[in-house]
Amino acid sequence: MNFAHYKEAAATAADLVNTLGSVSGYENLPDAGSLGEFLLAHGLEPPAGLDEGDVADVRGLRARLKEIFFTEDESEMAGRLNRLLDDYRAQPQLAGEPGNWKLVHASGGCTLAQELATTFGVALSELLMDSGRARIGFCSADNCLDVFVDTSRNRSRRYCEDSCSSRQNVKAFRARQHSH
């Protein structure tokens, strides 16, 4: 897996968490085909022989990542990230050549879930180190529990997407109109 920047990988981790409908419970990764489509949509090459075992393992990773996103205490979040990296036997290494080094998040022979856990764990760890808990969020909208990575300049993001923001603004507007 090669992400140009850790924020991109962290945002992909958020997208993975959001593949399980936060309110509806709708499963957006029902099978290997949908997992392959998710990977391709995020610029990742699905491994050969992607199967239902991979789907189950990635769903397990998704649950662990969701716990991390919803951990409000920064020290506890760091502990959860460390346990994730330890449990998936993360071994990031430099690969390439002078002038063109890349951080490879997992070496060959590991499972898809191990590779994703290492990539996402390192990315979220970098984000936590650089920006603290403020950039790792969950939606403030009523009836939404989706997560996001805040890449705004002033760390002001409160919603997972524009539709949640709009829905909350309309609700607040109507409440103000009703009170007059």
Foldseek 3Di string as FASTA:
>chain_A
DADPALQLLLQLLLVLLPCQAPQPRDHQPPWQVSVCVSQVVSVHHDDPPRGVVLSVLSVVLSVLSLVLLPDPDQVVSVVSLVVLCVVLVWDWDWDDDPPDIGTQGDDPPGGPSSRSSSSNSVSVVVCCVVPNSLQWHFAPAPSGGRTGGDPDPVSPDRHPDPVRVVVVVVVVVVVVVVVD
